[in-house]
All heavy atoms as atom14 arrays in JSON, in Angstrom:
{
  "sequence": "GPLADAIGVEQLFIIAGISAAISGIVAWLIPVVKNYDRNLQSRLALQ",
  "atom14_mask": [
    [1, 1, 1, 1, 0, 0, 0, 0, 0, 0, 0, 0, 0, 0],
    [1, 1, 1, 1, 1, 1, 1, 0, 0, 0, 0, 0, 0, 0],
    [1, 1, 1, 1, 1, 1, 1, 1, 0, 0, 0, 0, 0, 0],
    [1, 1, 1, 1, 1, 0, 0, 0, 0, 0, 0, 0, 0, 0],
    [1, 1, 1, 1, 1, 1, 1, 1, 0, 0, 0, 0, 0, 0],
    [1, 1, 1, 1, 1, 0, 0, 0, 0, 0, 0, 0, 0, 0],
    [1, 1, 1, 1, 1, 1, 1, 1, 0, 0, 0, 0, 0, 0],
    [1, 1, 1, 1, 0, 0, 0, 0, 0, 0, 0, 0, 0, 0],
    [1, 1, 1, 1, 1, 1, 1, 0, 0, 0, 0, 0, 0, 0],
    [1, 1, 1, 1, 1, 1, 1, 1, 1, 0, 0, 0, 0, 0],
    [1, 1, 1, 1, 1, 1, 1, 1, 1, 0, 0, 0, 0, 0],
    [1, 1, 1, 1, 1, 1, 1, 1, 0, 0, 0, 0, 0, 0],
    [1, 1, 1, 1, 1, 1, 1, 1, 1, 1, 1, 0, 0, 0],
    [1, 1, 1, 1, 1, 1, 1, 1, 0, 0, 0, 0, 0, 0],
    [1, 1, 1, 1, 1, 1, 1, 1, 0, 0, 0, 0, 0, 0],
    [1, 1, 1, 1, 1, 0, 0, 0, 0, 0, 0, 0, 0, 0],
    [1, 1, 1, 1, 0, 0, 0, 0, 0, 0, 0, 0, 0, 0],
    [1, 1, 1, 1, 1, 1, 1, 1, 0, 0, 0, 0, 0, 0],
    [1, 1, 1, 1, 1, 1, 0, 0, 0, 0, 0, 0, 0, 0],
    [1, 1, 1, 1, 1, 0, 0, 0, 0, 0, 0, 0, 0, 0],
    [1, 1, 1, 1, 1, 0, 0, 0, 0, 0, 0, 0, 0, 0],
    [1, 1, 1, 1, 1, 1, 1, 1, 0, 0, 0, 0, 0, 0],
    [1, 1, 1, 1, 1, 1, 0, 0, 0, 0, 0, 0, 0, 0],
    [1, 1, 1, 1, 0, 0, 0, 0, 0, 0, 0, 0, 0, 0],
    [1, 1, 1, 1, 1, 1, 1, 1, 0, 0, 0, 0, 0, 0],
    [1, 1, 1, 1, 1, 1, 1, 0, 0, 0, 0, 0, 0, 0],
    [1, 1, 1, 1, 1, 0, 0, 0, 0, 0, 0, 0, 0, 0],
    [1, 1, 1, 1, 1, 1, 1, 1, 1, 1, 1, 1, 1, 1],
    [1, 1, 1, 1, 1, 1, 1, 1, 0, 0, 0, 0, 0, 0],
    [1, 1, 1, 1, 1, 1, 1, 1, 0, 0, 0, 0, 0, 0],
    [1, 1, 1, 1, 1, 1, 1, 0, 0, 0, 0, 0, 0, 0],
    [1, 1, 1, 1, 1, 1, 1, 0, 0, 0, 0, 0, 0, 0],
    [1, 1, 1, 1, 1, 1, 1, 0, 0, 0, 0, 0, 0, 0],
    [1, 1, 1, 1, 1, 1, 1, 1, 1, 0, 0, 0, 0, 0],
    [1, 1, 1, 1, 1, 1, 1, 1, 0, 0, 0, 0, 0, 0],
    [1, 1, 1, 1, 1, 1, 1, 1, 1, 1, 1, 1, 0, 0],
    [1, 1, 1, 1, 1, 1, 1, 1, 0, 0, 0, 0, 0, 0],
    [1, 1, 1, 1, 1, 1, 1, 1, 1, 1, 1, 0, 0, 0],
    [1, 1, 1, 1, 1, 1, 1, 1, 0, 0, 0, 0, 0, 0],
    [1, 1, 1, 1, 1, 1, 1, 1, 0, 0, 0, 0, 0, 0],
    [1, 1, 1, 1, 1, 1, 1, 1, 1, 0, 0, 0, 0, 0],
    [1, 1, 1, 1, 1, 1, 0, 0, 0, 0, 0, 0, 0, 0],
    [1, 1, 1, 1, 1, 1, 1, 1, 1, 1, 1, 0, 0, 0],
    [1, 1, 1, 1, 1, 1, 1, 1, 0, 0, 0, 0, 0, 0],
    [1, 1, 1, 1, 1, 0, 0, 0, 0, 0, 0, 0, 0, 0],
    [1, 1, 1, 1, 1, 1, 1, 1, 0, 0, 0, 0, 0, 0],
    [1, 1, 1, 1, 1, 1, 1, 1, 1, 0, 0, 0, 0, 0]
  ],
  "atom14_positions": [
    [[-60.26, 49.68, -36.74], [-61.24, 48.61, -36.83], [-62.43, 48.95, -37.71], [-62.7, 48.24, -38.69], [0.0, 0.0, 0.0], [0.0, 0.0, 0.0], [0.0, 0.0, 0.0], [0.0, 0.0, 0.0], [0.0, 0.0, 0.0], [0.0, 0.0, 0.0], [0.0, 0.0, 0.0], [0.0, 0.0, 0.0], [0.0, 0.0, 0.0], [0.0, 0.0, 0.0]],
    [[-63.16, 50.03, -37.39], [-64.29, 50.41, -38.24], [-63.87, 50.67, -39.68], [-64.6, 50.35, -40.62], [-64.82, 51.7, -37.57], [-64.38, 51.57, -36.14], [-63.06, 50.87, -36.2], [0.0, 0.0, 0.0], [0.0, 0.0, 0.0], [0.0, 0.0, 0.0], [0.0, 0.0, 0.0], [0.0, 0.0, 0.0], [0.0, 0.0, 0.0], [0.0, 0.0, 0.0]],
    [[-62.68, 51.28, -39.88], [-62.22, 51.61, -41.23], [-61.95, 50.33, -42.01], [-62.32, 50.21, -43.18], [-60.96, 52.47, -41.15], [-60.46, 53.07, -42.48], [-61.5, 54.01, -43.06], [-59.15, 53.8, -42.26], [0.0, 0.0, 0.0], [0.0, 0.0, 0.0], [0.0, 0.0, 0.0], [0.0, 0.0, 0.0], [0.0, 0.0, 0.0], [0.0, 0.0, 0.0]],
    [[-61.28, 49.34, -41.37], [-60.99, 48.08, -42.03], [-62.27, 47.32, -42.35], [-62.39, 46.7, -43.43], [-60.07, 47.22, -41.15], [0.0, 0.0, 0.0], [0.0, 0.0, 0.0], [0.0, 0.0, 0.0], [0.0, 0.0, 0.0], [0.0, 0.0, 0.0], [0.0, 0.0, 0.0], [0.0, 0.0, 0.0], [0.0, 0.0, 0.0], [0.0, 0.0, 0.0]],
    [[-63.24, 47.36, -41.45], [-64.52, 46.68, -41.7], [-65.25, 47.35, -42.87], [-66.01, 46.71, -43.58], [-65.38, 46.73, -40.45], [-64.92, 45.75, -39.37], [-64.31, 44.72, -39.75], [-65.13, 46.03, -38.18], [0.0, 0.0, 0.0], [0.0, 0.0, 0.0], [0.0, 0.0, 0.0], [0.0, 0.0, 0.0], [0.0, 0.0, 0.0], [0.0, 0.0, 0.0]],
    [[-65.02, 48.66, -43.06], [-65.74, 49.42, -44.1], [-65.08, 49.35, -45.48], [-65.73, 49.11, -46.48], [-65.89, 50.87, -43.67], [0.0, 0.0, 0.0], [0.0, 0.0, 0.0], [0.0, 0.0, 0.0], [0.0, 0.0, 0.0], [0.0, 0.0, 0.0], [0.0, 0.0, 0.0], [0.0, 0.0, 0.0], [0.0, 0.0, 0.0], [0.0, 0.0, 0.0]],
    [[-63.75, 49.54, -45.53], [-63.06, 49.63, -46.85], [-62.2, 48.42, -47.16], [-61.68, 48.29, -48.28], [-62.2, 50.91, -46.94], [-61.03, 50.84, -45.95], [-63.04, 52.16, -46.66], [-60.04, 51.99, -46.07], [0.0, 0.0, 0.0], [0.0, 0.0, 0.0], [0.0, 0.0, 0.0], [0.0, 0.0, 0.0], [0.0, 0.0, 0.0], [0.0, 0.0, 0.0]],
    [[-62.03, 47.53, -46.2], [-61.2, 46.36, -46.43], [-59.87, 46.45, -45.71], [-59.21, 47.51, -45.73], [0.0, 0.0, 0.0], [0.0, 0.0, 0.0], [0.0, 0.0, 0.0], [0.0, 0.0, 0.0], [0.0, 0.0, 0.0], [0.0, 0.0, 0.0], [0.0, 0.0, 0.0], [0.0, 0.0, 0.0], [0.0, 0.0, 0.0], [0.0, 0.0, 0.0]],
    [[-59.46, 45.35, -45.1], [-58.24, 45.37, -44.28], [-57.0, 45.63, -45.13], [-56.02, 46.26, -44.67], [-58.1, 44.03, -43.53], [-57.89, 42.87, -44.5], [-56.98, 44.06, -42.52], [0.0, 0.0, 0.0], [0.0, 0.0, 0.0], [0.0, 0.0, 0.0], [0.0, 0.0, 0.0], [0.0, 0.0, 0.0], [0.0, 0.0, 0.0], [0.0, 0.0, 0.0]],
    [[-57.02, 45.24, -46.43], [-55.85, 45.43, -47.29], [-55.53, 46.93, -47.51], [-54.37, 47.28, -47.73], [-56.03, 44.71, -48.61], [-57.03, 45.33, -49.57], [-58.48, 45.0, -49.23], [-58.73, 44.33, -48.21], [-59.36, 45.39, -50.02], [0.0, 0.0, 0.0], [0.0, 0.0, 0.0], [0.0, 0.0, 0.0], [0.0, 0.0, 0.0], [0.0, 0.0, 0.0]],
    [[-56.55, 47.77, -47.44], [-56.32, 49.2, -47.65], [-55.44, 49.8, -46.54], [-54.71, 50.78, -46.78], [-57.66, 49.94, -47.73], [-58.57, 49.48, -48.87], [-57.94, 49.69, -50.23], [-57.29, 50.7, -50.48], [-58.11, 48.73, -51.13], [0.0, 0.0, 0.0], [0.0, 0.0, 0.0], [0.0, 0.0, 0.0], [0.0, 0.0, 0.0], [0.0, 0.0, 0.0]],
    [[-55.53, 49.26, -45.34], [-54.7, 49.74, -44.25], [-53.22, 49.49, -44.52], [-52.36, 50.27, -44.08], [-55.1, 49.06, -42.94], [-56.51, 49.35, -42.4], [-56.69, 48.7, -41.03], [-56.75, 50.84, -42.31], [0.0, 0.0, 0.0], [0.0, 0.0, 0.0], [0.0, 0.0, 0.0], [0.0, 0.0, 0.0], [0.0, 0.0, 0.0], [0.0, 0.0, 0.0]],
    [[-52.91, 48.44, -45.25], [-51.52, 48.14, -45.58], [-50.98, 49.16, -46.59], [-49.82, 49.57, -46.5], [-51.39, 46.73, -46.16], [-51.4, 45.66, -45.12], [-52.58, 45.29, -44.47], [-50.25, 44.99, -44.76], [-52.61, 44.31, -43.49], [-50.25, 43.99, -43.79], [-51.43, 43.65, -43.15], [0.0, 0.0, 0.0], [0.0, 0.0, 0.0], [0.0, 0.0, 0.0]],
    [[-51.8, 49.6, -47.53], [-51.37, 50.62, -48.48], [-51.12, 51.95, -47.76], [-50.1, 52.61, -47.98], [-52.45, 50.8, -49.57], [-52.63, 49.51, -50.36], [-52.08, 51.96, -50.5], [-53.75, 49.56, -51.38], [0.0, 0.0, 0.0], [0.0, 0.0, 0.0], [0.0, 0.0, 0.0], [0.0, 0.0, 0.0], [0.0, 0.0, 0.0], [0.0, 0.0, 0.0]],
    [[-52.01, 52.32, -46.87], [-51.86, 53.57, -46.08], [-50.58, 53.5, -45.25], [-49.8, 54.47, -45.19], [-53.1, 53.8, -45.2], [-54.33, 54.03, -46.07], [-52.88, 54.97, -44.25], [-55.63, 54.07, -45.29], [0.0, 0.0, 0.0], [0.0, 0.0, 0.0], [0.0, 0.0, 0.0], [0.0, 0.0, 0.0], [0.0, 0.0, 0.0], [0.0, 0.0, 0.0]],
    [[-50.36, 52.36, -44.6], [-49.17, 52.2, -43.74], [-47.89, 52.29, -44.57], [-46.89, 52.9, -44.14], [-49.22, 50.87, -43.0], [0.0, 0.0, 0.0], [0.0, 0.0, 0.0], [0.0, 0.0, 0.0], [0.0, 0.0, 0.0], [0.0, 0.0, 0.0], [0.0, 0.0, 0.0], [0.0, 0.0, 0.0], [0.0, 0.0, 0.0], [0.0, 0.0, 0.0]],
    [[-47.89, 51.68, -45.74], [-46.69, 51.71, -46.6], [-46.34, 53.12, -47.03], [-45.16, 53.53, -47.0], [0.0, 0.0, 0.0], [0.0, 0.0, 0.0], [0.0, 0.0, 0.0], [0.0, 0.0, 0.0], [0.0, 0.0, 0.0], [0.0, 0.0, 0.0], [0.0, 0.0, 0.0], [0.0, 0.0, 0.0], [0.0, 0.0, 0.0], [0.0, 0.0, 0.0]],
    [[-47.34, 53.9, -47.42], [-47.11, 55.3, -47.85], [-46.56, 56.11, -46.67], [-45.61, 56.9, -46.82], [-48.41, 55.93, -48.39], [-48.82, 55.22, -49.67], [-48.22, 57.41, -48.63], [-50.17, 55.64, -50.21], [0.0, 0.0, 0.0], [0.0, 0.0, 0.0], [0.0, 0.0, 0.0], [0.0, 0.0, 0.0], [0.0, 0.0, 0.0], [0.0, 0.0, 0.0]],
    [[-47.11, 55.91, -45.48], [-46.66, 56.7, -44.3], [-45.22, 56.35, -43.92], [-44.46, 57.23, -43.52], [-47.59, 56.44, -43.12], [-47.46, 55.09, -42.63], [0.0, 0.0, 0.0], [0.0, 0.0, 0.0], [0.0, 0.0, 0.0], [0.0, 0.0, 0.0], [0.0, 0.0, 0.0], [0.0, 0.0, 0.0], [0.0, 0.0, 0.0], [0.0, 0.0, 0.0]],
    [[-44.84, 55.09, -44.07], [-43.46, 54.68, -43.76], [-42.47, 55.35, -44.74], [-41.4, 55.82, -44.31], [-43.32, 53.17, -43.82], [0.0, 0.0, 0.0], [0.0, 0.0, 0.0], [0.0, 0.0, 0.0], [0.0, 0.0, 0.0], [0.0, 0.0, 0.0], [0.0, 0.0, 0.0], [0.0, 0.0, 0.0], [0.0, 0.0, 0.0], [0.0, 0.0, 0.0]],
    [[-42.84, 55.37, -46.01], [-41.95, 56.01, -46.98], [-41.83, 57.52, -46.73], [-40.73, 58.09, -46.83], [-42.51, 55.79, -48.41], [0.0, 0.0, 0.0], [0.0, 0.0, 0.0], [0.0, 0.0, 0.0], [0.0, 0.0, 0.0], [0.0, 0.0, 0.0], [0.0, 0.0, 0.0], [0.0, 0.0, 0.0], [0.0, 0.0, 0.0], [0.0, 0.0, 0.0]],
    [[-42.95, 58.15, -46.35], [-42.89, 59.59, -45.97], [-41.98, 59.81, -44.79], [-41.2, 60.78, -44.75], [-44.32, 60.11, -45.68], [-45.16, 60.12, -46.97], [-44.27, 61.49, -45.08], [-46.6, 60.47, -46.77], [0.0, 0.0, 0.0], [0.0, 0.0, 0.0], [0.0, 0.0, 0.0], [0.0, 0.0, 0.0], [0.0, 0.0, 0.0], [0.0, 0.0, 0.0]],
    [[-42.03, 58.92, -43.79], [-41.19, 59.03, -42.61], [-39.72, 58.97, -43.0], [-38.89, 59.75, -42.49], [-41.5, 57.89, -41.62], [-42.83, 57.94, -41.19], [0.0, 0.0, 0.0], [0.0, 0.0, 0.0], [0.0, 0.0, 0.0], [0.0, 0.0, 0.0], [0.0, 0.0, 0.0], [0.0, 0.0, 0.0], [0.0, 0.0, 0.0], [0.0, 0.0, 0.0]],
    [[-39.37, 58.06, -43.9], [-37.99, 57.98, -44.37], [-37.55, 59.23, -45.1], [-36.4, 59.7, -44.91], [0.0, 0.0, 0.0], [0.0, 0.0, 0.0], [0.0, 0.0, 0.0], [0.0, 0.0, 0.0], [0.0, 0.0, 0.0], [0.0, 0.0, 0.0], [0.0, 0.0, 0.0], [0.0, 0.0, 0.0], [0.0, 0.0, 0.0], [0.0, 0.0, 0.0]],
    [[-38.4, 59.81, -45.94], [-38.06, 61.02, -46.68], [-37.81, 62.19, -45.73], [-36.83, 62.92, -45.86], [-39.2, 61.37, -47.67], [-39.27, 60.32, -48.78], [-38.97, 62.77, -48.27], [-40.5, 60.46, -49.68], [0.0, 0.0, 0.0], [0.0, 0.0, 0.0], [0.0, 0.0, 0.0], [0.0, 0.0, 0.0], [0.0, 0.0, 0.0], [0.0, 0.0, 0.0]],
    [[-38.7, 62.36, -44.74], [-38.55, 63.44, -43.77], [-37.26, 63.3, -42.98], [-36.52, 64.26, -42.77], [-39.76, 63.48, -42.81], [-39.54, 64.49, -41.7], [-41.04, 63.84, -43.59], [0.0, 0.0, 0.0], [0.0, 0.0, 0.0], [0.0, 0.0, 0.0], [0.0, 0.0, 0.0], [0.0, 0.0, 0.0], [0.0, 0.0, 0.0], [0.0, 0.0, 0.0]],
    [[-36.97, 62.07, -42.53], [-35.74, 61.82, -41.77], [-34.5, 62.16, -42.58], [-33.5, 62.7, -42.08], [-35.69, 60.37, -41.3], [0.0, 0.0, 0.0], [0.0, 0.0, 0.0], [0.0, 0.0, 0.0], [0.0, 0.0, 0.0], [0.0, 0.0, 0.0], [0.0, 0.0, 0.0], [0.0, 0.0, 0.0], [0.0, 0.0, 0.0], [0.0, 0.0, 0.0]],
    [[-34.53, 61.85, -43.89], [-33.38, 62.11, -44.75], [-33.18, 63.61, -44.98], [-32.05, 64.08, -45.12], [-33.57, 61.4, -46.08], [-32.45, 61.6, -47.06], [-32.33, 62.51, -48.04], [-31.23, 60.83, -47.09], [-31.14, 62.38, -48.71], [-30.44, 61.34, -48.15], [-30.73, 59.74, -46.35], [-29.19, 60.82, -48.46], [-29.49, 59.22, -46.67], [-28.74, 59.77, -47.72]],
    [[-34.29, 64.36, -44.99], [-34.21, 65.79, -45.34], [-33.85, 66.68, -44.15], [-33.54, 67.86, -44.35], [-35.57, 66.24, -45.93], [-35.93, 65.65, -47.29], [-37.3, 66.13, -47.72], [-34.87, 66.03, -48.35], [0.0, 0.0, 0.0], [0.0, 0.0, 0.0], [0.0, 0.0, 0.0], [0.0, 0.0, 0.0], [0.0, 0.0, 0.0], [0.0, 0.0, 0.0]],
    [[-33.91, 66.16, -42.92], [-33.57, 66.94, -41.73], [-32.14, 66.63, -41.34], [-31.86, 65.52, -40.86], [-34.56, 66.64, -40.59], [-35.99, 66.94, -41.0], [-34.17, 67.47, -39.35], [-37.02, 66.62, -39.93], [0.0, 0.0, 0.0], [0.0, 0.0, 0.0], [0.0, 0.0, 0.0], [0.0, 0.0, 0.0], [0.0, 0.0, 0.0], [0.0, 0.0, 0.0]],
    [[-31.2, 67.56, -41.53], [-29.79, 67.27, -41.24], [-29.51, 66.79, -39.84], [-28.69, 65.89, -39.63], [-29.12, 68.61, -41.54], [-30.02, 69.33, -42.49], [-31.39, 68.91, -42.09], [0.0, 0.0, 0.0], [0.0, 0.0, 0.0], [0.0, 0.0, 0.0], [0.0, 0.0, 0.0], [0.0, 0.0, 0.0], [0.0, 0.0, 0.0], [0.0, 0.0, 0.0]],
    [[-30.17, 67.39, -38.83], [-29.86, 67.02, -37.45], [-30.32, 65.58, -37.13], [-29.8, 64.95, -36.21], [-30.55, 68.03, -36.47], [-32.06, 67.83, -36.43], [-29.96, 67.93, -35.08], [0.0, 0.0, 0.0], [0.0, 0.0, 0.0], [0.0, 0.0, 0.0], [0.0, 0.0, 0.0], [0.0, 0.0, 0.0], [0.0, 0.0, 0.0], [0.0, 0.0, 0.0]],
    [[-31.26, 65.08, -37.93], [-31.67, 63.67, -37.8], [-30.72, 62.78, -38.59], [-30.21, 61.8, -38.06], [-33.12, 63.5, -38.32], [-33.49, 62.0, -38.38], [-34.1, 64.24, -37.42], [0.0, 0.0, 0.0], [0.0, 0.0, 0.0], [0.0, 0.0, 0.0], [0.0, 0.0, 0.0], [0.0, 0.0, 0.0], [0.0, 0.0, 0.0], [0.0, 0.0, 0.0]],
    [[-30.48, 63.11, -39.83], [-29.63, 62.3, -40.68], [-28.24, 62.12, -40.12], [-27.63, 61.04, -40.23], [-29.56, 62.94, -42.07], [-28.72, 62.2, -43.09], [-28.72, 62.94, -44.39], [-27.81, 62.25, -45.42], [-27.77, 63.0, -46.71], [0.0, 0.0, 0.0], [0.0, 0.0, 0.0], [0.0, 0.0, 0.0], [0.0, 0.0, 0.0], [0.0, 0.0, 0.0]],
    [[-27.73, 63.17, -39.46], [-26.35, 63.14, -38.94], [-26.31, 62.95, -37.42], [-25.25, 63.21, -36.8], [-25.63, 64.45, -39.3], [-25.52, 64.64, -40.81], [-25.18, 63.7, -41.54], [-25.83, 65.83, -41.28], [0.0, 0.0, 0.0], [0.0, 0.0, 0.0], [0.0, 0.0, 0.0], [0.0, 0.0, 0.0], [0.0, 0.0, 0.0], [0.0, 0.0, 0.0]],
    [[-27.41, 62.48, -36.84], [-27.44, 62.39, -35.38], [-26.34, 61.49, -34.82], [-25.62, 61.83, -33.9], [-28.8, 61.88, -34.89], [-28.9, 61.77, -33.39], [-29.1, 62.9, -32.62], [-28.73, 60.55, -32.74], [-29.14, 62.83, -31.23], [-28.78, 60.47, -31.35], [-28.98, 61.61, -30.62], [-29.01, 61.53, -29.23], [0.0, 0.0, 0.0], [0.0, 0.0, 0.0]],
    [[-26.19, 60.32, -35.41], [-25.19, 59.38, -34.88], [-23.78, 59.88, -35.11], [-22.9, 59.7, -34.24], [-25.38, 58.0, -35.5], [-24.5, 56.94, -34.85], [-24.4, 56.93, -33.62], [-23.9, 56.15, -35.58], [0.0, 0.0, 0.0], [0.0, 0.0, 0.0], [0.0, 0.0, 0.0], [0.0, 0.0, 0.0], [0.0, 0.0, 0.0], [0.0, 0.0, 0.0]],
    [[-23.55, 60.49, -36.23], [-22.21, 61.02, -36.54], [-21.82, 62.08, -35.49], [-20.71, 62.1, -34.96], [-22.18, 61.6, -37.94], [-20.82, 62.07, -38.41], [-20.89, 62.45, -39.87], [-21.16, 61.3, -40.72], [-21.61, 61.4, -41.96], [-21.88, 62.57, -42.47], [-21.81, 60.29, -42.65], [0.0, 0.0, 0.0], [0.0, 0.0, 0.0], [0.0, 0.0, 0.0]],
    [[-22.77, 62.97, -35.16], [-22.51, 63.99, -34.14], [-22.36, 63.37, -32.76], [-21.53, 63.82, -31.95], [-23.66, 65.02, -34.14], [-23.75, 65.79, -35.45], [-22.76, 65.95, -36.15], [-24.94, 66.27, -35.78], [0.0, 0.0, 0.0], [0.0, 0.0, 0.0], [0.0, 0.0, 0.0], [0.0, 0.0, 0.0], [0.0, 0.0, 0.0], [0.0, 0.0, 0.0]],
    [[-23.16, 62.31, -32.49], [-23.07, 61.63, -31.19], [-21.69, 61.0, -31.01], [-21.09, 61.16, -29.96], [-24.16, 60.57, -31.09], [-24.11, 59.62, -29.89], [-24.31, 60.39, -28.59], [-25.16, 58.52, -30.02], [0.0, 0.0, 0.0], [0.0, 0.0, 0.0], [0.0, 0.0, 0.0], [0.0, 0.0, 0.0], [0.0, 0.0, 0.0], [0.0, 0.0, 0.0]],
    [[-21.2, 60.31, -32.03], [-19.9, 59.68, -31.93], [-18.77, 60.7, -31.76], [-17.8, 60.45, -31.02], [-19.64, 58.82, -33.17], [-20.61, 57.66, -33.35], [-20.68, 56.74, -32.14], [-19.67, 56.47, -31.5], [-21.9, 56.33, -31.81], [0.0, 0.0, 0.0], [0.0, 0.0, 0.0], [0.0, 0.0, 0.0], [0.0, 0.0, 0.0], [0.0, 0.0, 0.0]],
    [[-18.9, 61.84, -32.42], [-17.9, 62.89, -32.27], [-17.88, 63.42, -30.82], [-16.82, 63.65, -30.24], [-18.17, 64.03, -33.26], [-18.09, 63.58, -34.59], [0.0, 0.0, 0.0], [0.0, 0.0, 0.0], [0.0, 0.0, 0.0], [0.0, 0.0, 0.0], [0.0, 0.0, 0.0], [0.0, 0.0, 0.0], [0.0, 0.0, 0.0], [0.0, 0.0, 0.0]],
    [[-19.08, 63.59, -30.28], [-19.19, 64.09, -28.89], [-18.63, 63.08, -27.89], [-17.92, 63.45, -26.96], [-20.64, 64.42, -28.57], [-20.84, 65.12, -27.25], [-22.23, 65.65, -27.07], [-23.21, 64.61, -26.85], [-24.13, 64.25, -27.73], [-24.2, 64.87, -28.92], [-24.99, 63.29, -27.48], [0.0, 0.0, 0.0], [0.0, 0.0, 0.0], [0.0, 0.0, 0.0]],
    [[-18.91, 61.8, -28.11], [-18.4, 60.76, -27.21], [-16.89, 60.67, -27.3], [-16.2, 60.47, -26.29], [-19.04, 59.42, -27.55], [-20.53, 59.28, -27.25], [-21.06, 57.93, -27.78], [-20.81, 59.39, -25.76], [0.0, 0.0, 0.0], [0.0, 0.0, 0.0], [0.0, 0.0, 0.0], [0.0, 0.0, 0.0], [0.0, 0.0, 0.0], [0.0, 0.0, 0.0]],
    [[-16.35, 60.78, -28.51], [-14.9, 60.74, -28.68], [-14.24, 61.92, -27.99], [-13.16, 61.76, -27.37], [-14.56, 60.75, -30.19], [0.0, 0.0, 0.0], [0.0, 0.0, 0.0], [0.0, 0.0, 0.0], [0.0, 0.0, 0.0], [0.0, 0.0, 0.0], [0.0, 0.0, 0.0], [0.0, 0.0, 0.0], [0.0, 0.0, 0.0], [0.0, 0.0, 0.0]],
    [[-14.88, 63.09, -28.04], [-14.33, 64.29, -27.39], [-14.32, 64.13, -25.88], [-13.39, 64.6, -25.19], [-15.14, 65.52, -27.82], [-14.59, 66.88, -27.36], [-13.2, 67.12, -27.98], [-15.56, 67.98, -27.76], [0.0, 0.0, 0.0], [0.0, 0.0, 0.0], [0.0, 0.0, 0.0], [0.0, 0.0, 0.0], [0.0, 0.0, 0.0], [0.0, 0.0, 0.0]],
    [[-15.36, 63.44, -25.33], [-15.44, 63.27, -23.9], [-14.32, 62.38, -23.37], [-13.92, 62.47, -22.2], [-16.81, 62.66, -23.53], [-17.95, 63.61, -23.69], [-19.3, 62.92, -23.48], [-19.37, 61.71, -23.25], [-20.39, 63.68, -23.55], [0.0, 0.0, 0.0], [0.0, 0.0, 0.0], [0.0, 0.0, 0.0], [0.0, 0.0, 0.0], [0.0, 0.0, 0.0]]
  ]
}
């Protein structure tokens, strides 16, 4: 709230967009995250 009142509400959208892209990059670079569902399906099939 105070930040948007000070620098403009549109700046929060730029910050949010950058953080979302960073989240996607990190998820892609961590193998246990990227392959979580593949490993889950293999475990369920084995059960």
